[in-house]
């Protein structure tokens, strides 16, 4: 099958769409990717890409078509320009650069922004190809939850755009079952909705015992390390995380390790200094995906957090699937679906979103558990990961859905 993947983010940026593209290629599909230059999360184009863009024109056999965009920067204005420029550039230049290329299906990877799907819908109409949309963020609710958009009329306008998009996709895939009512609200029906969760990349399925700890974590070999990995943004509620670290500052045996970067990273760094938490909380920077198992090797528990908001309660953070596969206990400060997964798996402790004192309590309880009990939590996490988020099964299901919509498309009389 000839598949066009449309994504606001792509390799060398670290997103699960990279693994999906690679696997589709291994399964015999001819994949083309439409994306922009890599600039997430720092907000500027990666230096290595700027030096040698030709090195990043093919990924695991998939051809990459890049269109220019305004980089994210660090301000809300730049972020809005980034989203708008990607929409316009994808619709105009993307369509032009893909001229003469036939596709059987178009797959859209959609964390923020959902406007990524608009060029895909246009290209789908021109190519007479069905569009599958994988929804990882619910717009406009997520924009409101993180404070990016506060204007009621603008949120209403964005909601109409979301409705336009959902109604013109042949299949809408949601990363959480709890997304269904929201998608139905904008799509008008649920008949084209499918549950399609994330999974852990293959390198996290290997035993951490066989991995050498990263040099950056070796100095913490004698402490209990709570490790956070991923985006440092508004949604992750770092004020509450730092509240928990402050509550446990008297515990010299506990360290909070932060691996990643994002729009709130500078604020977090300054806040660590203001609260005098430099010994307790360490920011270790952003690192390539392939190095992450070595950082996890230095952790004793993995932290996942989301702000308190109804839209986040419907979300399963993508890092949950990765964390489960490592065999380490999880600590969750989140509500709803994410908390349900951790508790259902018996993989660790959870507390309500935004409650830093409760988070400190859960960490202290985990530290006091015998090592055997923590190991049992990790084993249950791995078992649950295999049962609920098996990568091969999920990607086979995706293939079947692509076959379904392409067959339906042919049956409707389109070539």
Protein backbone atom coordinates (compact mmCIF):
# COMPACT_ATOMS: atom_id res chain seq x y z
CA UNK A 1 0.00 0.00 0.00
CA UNK A 2 1.19 3.54 -0.79
CA UNK A 3 0.80 5.54 2.44
CA UNK A 4 1.29 9.25 3.01
CA UNK A 5 1.97 10.13 6.65
CA UNK A 6 1.29 13.76 7.55
CA UNK A 7 2.87 14.88 10.82
CA UNK A 8 3.79 18.22 12.37
CA UNK A 9 6.69 16.40 14.05
CA UNK A 10 9.04 13.78 12.67
CA UNK A 11 12.53 12.34 12.99
CA UNK A 12 15.00 13.43 14.28
CA UNK A 13 12.37 14.73 16.70
CA UNK A 14 11.38 11.97 19.14
CA UNK A 15 7.77 10.96 18.56
CA UNK A 16 6.06 7.59 18.27
CA UNK A 17 5.17 8.31 14.66
CA UNK A 18 8.82 7.53 13.81
CA UNK A 19 8.38 3.95 14.99
CA UNK A 20 5.05 3.62 13.18
CA UNK A 21 6.58 4.77 9.89
CA UNK A 22 9.53 2.39 10.27
CA UNK A 23 7.23 -0.55 10.97
CA UNK A 24 4.93 0.20 8.03
CA UNK A 25 8.02 0.11 5.82
CA UNK A 26 9.12 -3.22 7.28
CA UNK A 27 5.65 -4.60 6.55
CA UNK A 28 6.09 -3.84 2.86
CA UNK A 29 4.25 -0.53 2.52
CA UNK A 30 5.70 2.34 0.51
CA UNK A 31 5.66 5.29 2.91
CA UNK A 32 6.11 9.01 2.26
CA UNK A 33 6.18 11.53 5.12
CA UNK A 34 5.09 15.18 4.87
CA UNK A 35 6.54 17.26 7.71
CA UNK A 36 8.49 20.42 8.54
CA UNK A 37 12.08 20.93 9.67
CA UNK A 38 12.82 19.48 13.13
CA UNK A 39 12.59 22.17 15.84
CA UNK A 40 10.81 20.52 18.79
CA UNK A 41 11.13 21.10 21.72
CA UNK A 42 13.83 23.82 21.74
CA UNK A 43 11.94 25.97 19.26
CA UNK A 44 14.80 26.29 16.77
CA UNK A 45 15.86 24.09 13.87
CA UNK A 46 18.22 21.32 14.96
CA UNK A 47 21.81 22.36 14.15
CA UNK A 48 22.64 18.97 12.63
CA UNK A 49 19.67 19.28 10.27
CA UNK A 50 20.64 22.81 9.29
CA UNK A 51 24.19 21.64 8.48
CA UNK A 52 23.17 18.59 6.44
CA UNK A 53 19.45 18.55 5.57
CA UNK A 54 20.04 15.87 2.94
CA UNK A 55 20.88 13.35 5.67
CA UNK A 56 17.31 13.66 6.92
CA UNK A 57 15.46 13.11 3.64
CA UNK A 58 14.93 9.36 4.15
CA UNK A 59 13.99 7.49 7.33
CA UNK A 60 13.93 3.68 7.43
CA UNK A 61 13.15 3.63 3.72
CA UNK A 62 10.44 6.30 3.89
CA UNK A 63 10.92 9.42 1.74
CA UNK A 64 10.51 12.65 3.72
CA UNK A 65 9.06 15.75 2.06
CA UNK A 66 9.87 18.82 4.18
CA UNK A 67 8.05 22.14 3.92
CA UNK A 68 9.28 25.36 5.56
CA UNK A 69 7.61 26.59 8.76
CA UNK A 70 8.13 29.33 11.33
CA UNK A 71 9.94 27.61 14.21
CA UNK A 72 8.15 27.28 17.55
CA UNK A 73 10.38 29.64 19.51
CA UNK A 74 9.47 30.13 23.16
CA UNK A 75 6.53 32.56 22.96
CA UNK A 76 2.84 31.93 22.37
CA UNK A 77 2.96 34.17 19.32
CA UNK A 78 5.72 32.11 17.75
CA UNK A 79 3.84 28.93 18.55
CA UNK A 80 0.72 30.29 16.82
CA UNK A 81 2.84 31.29 13.81
CA UNK A 82 4.39 27.83 13.80
CA UNK A 83 0.96 26.19 13.61
CA UNK A 84 -0.34 28.64 10.98
CA UNK A 85 2.75 28.44 8.77
CA UNK A 86 2.69 24.63 8.86
CA UNK A 87 -0.95 24.69 7.75
CA UNK A 88 -0.32 27.05 4.85
CA UNK A 89 2.99 25.53 3.82
CA UNK A 90 1.61 22.00 3.95
CA UNK A 91 -1.48 22.91 1.94
CA UNK A 92 0.37 24.87 -0.75
CA UNK A 93 3.97 23.63 -0.95
CA UNK A 94 3.17 20.15 0.34
CA UNK A 95 0.50 19.66 -2.31
CA UNK A 96 2.89 20.93 -4.99
CA UNK A 97 5.81 18.77 -3.91
CA UNK A 98 3.62 15.67 -3.83
CA UNK A 99 2.24 16.26 -7.32
CA UNK A 100 2.19 13.16 -9.47
CA UNK A 101 2.53 10.83 -6.46
CA UNK A 102 -0.47 8.51 -5.95
CA UNK A 103 -1.46 7.31 -2.47
CA UNK A 104 -3.84 4.62 -1.29
CA UNK A 105 -4.27 6.09 2.21
CA UNK A 106 -3.27 9.16 4.21
CA UNK A 107 -2.45 8.82 7.92
CA UNK A 108 -2.32 11.92 10.13
CA UNK A 109 -0.43 11.91 13.44
CA UNK A 110 -2.14 14.49 15.66
CA UNK A 111 -0.87 15.65 18.94
CA UNK A 112 -1.15 19.46 18.86
CA UNK A 113 -1.96 21.05 16.43
CA UNK A 114 -5.04 19.47 14.89
CA UNK A 115 -4.66 21.85 11.94
CA UNK A 116 -2.04 19.38 10.67
CA UNK A 117 -5.01 17.49 9.28
CA UNK A 118 -6.23 20.27 6.99
CA UNK A 119 -3.45 19.84 4.37
CA UNK A 120 -4.02 16.08 4.61
CA UNK A 121 -7.73 16.50 3.84
CA UNK A 122 -6.91 18.69 0.84
CA UNK A 123 -4.33 16.20 -0.44
CA UNK A 124 -6.77 13.35 0.18
CA UNK A 125 -9.37 15.06 -2.00
CA UNK A 126 -6.86 15.71 -4.77
CA UNK A 127 -5.43 12.18 -4.62
CA UNK A 128 -8.83 10.57 -3.97
CA UNK A 129 -7.34 8.80 -0.96
CA UNK A 130 -9.04 8.15 2.42
CA UNK A 131 -7.76 10.00 5.49
CA UNK A 132 -7.17 8.36 8.89
CA UNK A 133 -6.63 10.74 11.81
CA UNK A 134 -4.89 9.58 15.01
CA UNK A 135 -6.04 11.96 17.78
CA UNK A 136 -3.65 12.26 20.73
CA UNK A 137 -4.77 15.72 21.91
CA UNK A 138 -8.34 16.96 22.12
CA UNK A 139 -8.78 20.41 20.64
CA UNK A 140 -9.96 23.00 21.62
CA UNK A 141 -10.11 21.66 25.19
CA UNK A 142 -6.34 21.14 25.48
CA UNK A 143 -5.67 24.73 24.37
CA UNK A 144 -7.98 25.97 27.13
CA UNK A 145 -6.51 23.62 29.73
CA UNK A 146 -2.93 24.85 29.26
CA UNK A 147 -3.97 28.48 28.97
CA UNK A 148 -2.84 28.98 25.37
CA UNK A 149 -6.33 30.18 24.35
CA UNK A 150 -8.71 31.80 26.83
CA UNK A 151 -11.10 33.66 24.57
CA UNK A 152 -14.51 31.90 24.48
CA UNK A 153 -15.26 33.04 20.92
CA UNK A 154 -11.87 31.82 19.68
CA UNK A 155 -12.36 28.45 21.40
CA UNK A 156 -15.77 28.20 19.71
CA UNK A 157 -14.18 28.99 16.33
CA UNK A 158 -11.50 26.33 16.86
CA UNK A 159 -14.24 23.88 17.83
CA UNK A 160 -15.89 24.49 14.47
CA UNK A 161 -12.58 23.79 12.73
CA UNK A 162 -12.30 20.54 14.71
CA UNK A 163 -15.80 19.55 13.65
CA UNK A 164 -14.95 20.33 10.01
CA UNK A 165 -11.88 18.09 10.25
CA UNK A 166 -13.50 15.13 12.02
CA UNK A 167 -16.44 15.06 9.60
CA UNK A 168 -14.09 14.88 6.61
CA UNK A 169 -11.91 12.02 7.88
CA UNK A 170 -12.74 8.48 6.90
CA UNK A 171 -11.61 7.10 10.27
CA UNK A 172 -10.82 8.89 13.56
CA UNK A 173 -8.56 6.96 15.92
CA UNK A 174 -8.43 7.97 19.60
CA UNK A 175 -5.55 7.17 21.95
CA UNK A 176 -8.04 6.70 24.81
CA UNK A 177 -11.51 5.19 24.96
CA UNK A 178 -12.54 8.22 27.00
CA UNK A 179 -12.01 10.35 23.85
CA UNK A 180 -15.14 8.88 22.25
CA UNK A 181 -17.77 11.30 23.68
CA UNK A 182 -15.63 14.31 22.78
CA UNK A 183 -14.97 13.10 19.23
CA UNK A 184 -18.65 12.23 18.83
CA UNK A 185 -19.55 15.77 19.98
CA UNK A 186 -17.61 17.29 17.07
CA UNK A 187 -17.91 14.50 14.51
CA UNK A 188 -21.66 14.08 14.91
CA UNK A 189 -21.49 10.28 15.25
CA UNK A 190 -19.23 7.57 16.63
CA UNK A 191 -19.41 5.06 13.80
CA UNK A 192 -16.00 6.06 12.44
CA UNK A 193 -14.25 6.13 15.83
CA UNK A 194 -11.70 3.43 16.77
CA UNK A 195 -9.64 3.04 19.94
CA UNK A 196 -5.95 3.07 19.03
CA UNK A 197 -3.59 3.53 22.01
CA UNK A 198 0.14 4.13 21.96
CA UNK A 199 2.78 1.48 22.63
CA UNK A 200 6.38 1.29 23.82
CA UNK A 201 9.13 1.48 21.20
CA UNK A 202 11.04 -1.83 20.82
CA UNK A 203 14.19 -0.61 22.60
CA UNK A 204 12.23 -0.28 25.87
CA UNK A 205 11.16 -3.92 25.69
CA UNK A 206 14.68 -5.10 26.43
CA UNK A 207 15.71 -5.76 30.02
CA UNK A 208 17.18 -2.70 31.69
CA UNK A 209 19.52 -5.01 33.58
CA UNK A 210 21.51 -5.43 30.37
CA UNK A 211 21.91 -1.66 29.93
CA UNK A 212 24.73 0.40 31.40
CA UNK A 213 23.54 3.44 33.39
CA UNK A 214 24.06 6.76 31.62
CA UNK A 215 27.11 8.69 32.87
CA UNK A 216 24.74 11.50 33.85
CA UNK A 217 23.00 9.30 36.48
CA UNK A 218 25.96 7.45 37.94
CA UNK A 219 26.49 9.99 40.72
CA UNK A 220 23.01 9.09 42.01
CA UNK A 221 23.74 5.40 42.51
CA UNK A 222 23.30 5.66 46.30
CA UNK A 223 19.94 7.47 46.33
CA UNK A 224 16.35 6.55 45.47
CA UNK A 225 15.75 8.26 42.15
CA UNK A 226 12.35 9.39 40.90
CA UNK A 227 12.84 9.95 37.17
CA UNK A 228 10.69 12.12 34.92
CA UNK A 229 11.30 11.76 31.17
CA UNK A 230 9.72 13.80 28.40
CA UNK A 231 8.24 17.18 27.65
CA UNK A 232 8.58 19.92 30.26
CA UNK A 233 5.47 21.97 29.62
CA UNK A 234 2.38 23.52 31.15
CA UNK A 235 0.39 20.29 31.05
CA UNK A 236 2.92 18.40 33.19
CA UNK A 237 2.28 20.65 36.24
CA UNK A 238 5.85 21.16 37.40
CA UNK A 239 4.80 23.55 40.19
CA UNK A 240 3.14 20.58 41.93
CA UNK A 241 6.15 18.33 41.24
CA UNK A 242 8.43 20.90 42.87
CA UNK A 243 5.99 21.16 45.79
CA UNK A 244 6.51 17.41 46.34
CA UNK A 245 10.29 17.76 46.09
CA UNK A 246 10.16 20.61 48.59
CA UNK A 247 8.09 18.53 51.00
CA UNK A 248 10.77 15.80 50.86
CA UNK A 249 13.80 18.09 50.86
CA UNK A 250 14.80 16.70 54.28
CA UNK A 251 15.21 13.24 52.69
CA UNK A 252 18.82 13.16 51.51
CA UNK A 253 18.18 9.67 50.16
CA UNK A 254 15.68 10.85 47.51
CA UNK A 255 16.52 12.56 44.22
CA UNK A 256 14.23 13.87 41.46
CA UNK A 257 15.82 13.49 38.02
CA UNK A 258 14.31 15.35 35.06
CA UNK A 259 15.31 14.18 31.57
CA UNK A 260 13.89 16.25 28.74
CA UNK A 261 13.19 19.78 27.62
CA UNK A 262 10.27 21.99 26.70
CA UNK A 263 8.66 25.39 26.86
CA UNK A 264 8.60 25.46 30.68
CA UNK A 265 12.18 24.22 31.17
CA UNK A 266 13.68 27.65 31.91
CA UNK A 267 10.96 28.38 34.44
CA UNK A 268 11.56 25.03 36.15
CA UNK A 269 15.30 25.70 36.27
CA UNK A 270 14.81 29.11 37.86
CA UNK A 271 12.22 27.78 40.28
CA UNK A 272 14.61 25.05 41.46
CA UNK A 273 17.08 27.80 42.28
CA UNK A 274 14.48 30.00 43.97
CA UNK A 275 13.33 27.14 46.18
CA UNK A 276 16.93 26.05 46.82
CA UNK A 277 16.26 22.55 45.56
CA UNK A 278 19.48 22.14 43.57
CA UNK A 279 20.52 19.06 45.53
CA UNK A 280 17.15 17.37 45.46
CA UNK A 281 16.13 18.08 41.85
CA UNK A 282 18.48 17.68 38.89
CA UNK A 283 17.73 18.62 35.28
CA UNK A 284 19.73 16.35 32.98
CA UNK A 285 18.73 17.83 29.62
CA UNK A 286 17.27 16.36 26.44
CA UNK A 287 18.83 13.25 24.92
CA UNK A 288 18.18 11.01 21.89
CA UNK A 289 15.54 8.32 22.25
CA UNK A 290 18.10 5.53 21.90
CA UNK A 291 19.85 6.73 25.08
CA UNK A 292 16.74 6.76 27.25
CA UNK A 293 17.01 3.16 28.52
CA UNK A 294 20.38 4.09 30.04
CA UNK A 295 18.71 6.93 31.95
CA UNK A 296 15.89 4.67 33.10
CA UNK A 297 18.57 2.29 34.35
CA UNK A 298 19.43 4.94 36.94
CA UNK A 299 15.84 5.34 38.15
CA UNK A 300 13.95 3.47 40.85
CA UNK A 301 10.52 4.88 39.97
CA UNK A 302 9.19 6.67 36.89
CA UNK A 303 7.05 9.78 37.28
CA UNK A 304 4.10 10.77 35.07
CA UNK A 305 2.00 13.86 35.77
CA UNK A 306 -0.79 15.93 34.22
CA UNK A 307 -2.57 19.06 35.37
CA UNK A 308 -6.03 18.82 36.87
CA UNK A 309 -8.46 19.32 34.00
CA UNK A 310 -11.27 17.21 32.50
CA UNK A 311 -9.51 16.95 29.13
CA UNK A 312 -6.34 15.56 30.74
CA UNK A 313 -8.40 13.08 32.77
CA UNK A 314 -9.46 11.57 29.42
CA UNK A 315 -5.86 11.20 28.27
CA UNK A 316 -3.36 8.37 28.62
CA UNK A 317 0.02 10.14 28.47
CA UNK A 318 2.21 8.47 25.86
CA UNK A 319 5.00 7.98 28.38
CA UNK A 320 2.78 5.59 30.38
CA UNK A 321 3.16 2.85 27.75
CA UNK A 322 6.92 3.39 27.66
CA UNK A 323 7.20 3.38 31.45
CA UNK A 324 5.19 0.16 31.78
CA UNK A 325 7.54 -1.67 29.41
CA UNK A 326 10.66 -0.86 31.46
CA UNK A 327 9.74 -2.98 34.46
CA UNK A 328 10.11 -0.11 36.95
CA UNK A 329 7.34 1.05 39.33
CA UNK A 330 5.29 4.08 38.27
CA UNK A 331 4.33 7.11 40.32
CA UNK A 332 1.40 9.01 38.85
CA UNK A 333 0.03 12.43 39.79
CA UNK A 334 -2.90 12.44 37.42
CA UNK A 335 -6.61 11.71 37.16
CA UNK A 336 -8.86 9.59 34.99
CA UNK A 337 -7.58 7.22 32.32
CA UNK A 338 -3.88 7.53 33.10
CA UNK A 339 -4.46 6.80 36.79
CA UNK A 340 -6.78 3.93 35.89
CA UNK A 341 -4.12 2.23 33.78
CA UNK A 342 -1.48 2.41 36.53
CA UNK A 343 -3.89 1.14 39.19
CA UNK A 344 -5.41 -1.56 36.97
CA UNK A 345 -1.91 -2.81 36.16
CA UNK A 346 -0.88 -2.79 39.82
CA UNK A 347 2.23 -1.01 38.57
CA UNK A 348 2.71 1.66 41.24
CA UNK A 349 1.05 4.44 43.21
CA UNK A 350 -1.14 7.31 42.04
CA UNK A 351 -2.49 10.51 43.58
CA UNK A 352 -4.81 13.25 42.34
CA UNK A 353 -3.56 15.80 39.83
CA UNK A 354 -2.09 18.96 41.34
CA UNK A 355 -1.58 17.48 44.81
CA UNK A 356 2.14 17.86 45.50
CA UNK A 357 1.80 16.82 49.14
CA UNK A 358 0.10 13.59 48.13
CA UNK A 359 2.80 12.98 45.53
CA UNK A 360 5.45 13.36 48.22
CA UNK A 361 3.54 10.84 50.35
CA UNK A 362 3.39 8.28 47.50
CA UNK A 363 7.11 8.63 46.83
CA UNK A 364 7.93 8.18 50.52
CA UNK A 365 5.69 5.07 50.65
CA UNK A 366 7.41 3.60 47.62
CA UNK A 367 10.85 4.19 49.13
CA UNK A 368 9.85 2.27 52.26
CA UNK A 369 8.62 -0.78 50.36
CA UNK A 370 10.87 -3.84 50.33
CA UNK A 371 12.77 -4.14 47.02
CA UNK A 372 10.87 -7.34 46.25
CA UNK A 373 7.54 -5.53 46.33
CA UNK A 374 8.82 -2.82 44.01
CA UNK A 375 10.14 -5.51 41.66
CA UNK A 376 6.69 -7.17 41.68
CA UNK A 377 5.13 -3.84 40.66
CA UNK A 378 7.55 -3.64 37.75
CA UNK A 379 6.77 -7.20 36.68
CA UNK A 380 3.03 -6.46 36.72
CA UNK A 381 3.70 -3.33 34.63
CA UNK A 382 5.46 -5.39 31.95
CA UNK A 383 2.71 -8.00 31.90
CA UNK A 384 0.04 -5.33 31.52
CA UNK A 385 2.04 -3.66 28.76
CA UNK A 386 2.16 -6.91 26.78
CA UNK A 387 -1.54 -7.55 27.35
CA UNK A 388 -2.97 -4.10 26.60
CA UNK A 389 -0.41 -2.28 24.45
CA UNK A 390 1.27 -4.93 22.33
CA UNK A 391 2.94 -3.10 19.44
CA UNK A 392 2.66 -5.82 16.79
CA UNK A 393 -1.03 -6.40 17.50
CA UNK A 394 -1.82 -2.68 17.39
CA UNK A 395 0.02 -2.06 14.13
CA UNK A 396 -1.60 -5.11 12.54
CA UNK A 397 -4.95 -3.65 13.56
CA UNK A 398 -3.97 -0.36 11.93
CA UNK A 399 -3.17 -2.19 8.70
CA UNK A 400 -6.61 -3.80 8.77
CA UNK A 401 -8.28 -0.40 9.24
CA UNK A 402 -6.30 1.05 6.33
CA UNK A 403 -7.43 -1.88 4.18
CA UNK A 404 -11.01 -1.26 5.34
CA UNK A 405 -11.08 2.43 4.34
CA UNK A 406 -9.24 1.92 1.04
CA UNK A 407 -11.64 -0.90 0.09
CA UNK A 408 -14.59 1.30 1.01
CA UNK A 409 -13.04 4.11 -1.05
CA UNK A 410 -12.74 1.86 -4.10
CA UNK A 411 -16.27 0.60 -3.57
CA UNK A 412 -17.53 4.17 -3.67
CA UNK A 413 -16.26 4.41 -7.22
CA UNK A 414 -13.04 6.39 -6.72
CA UNK A 415 -9.94 5.16 -8.59
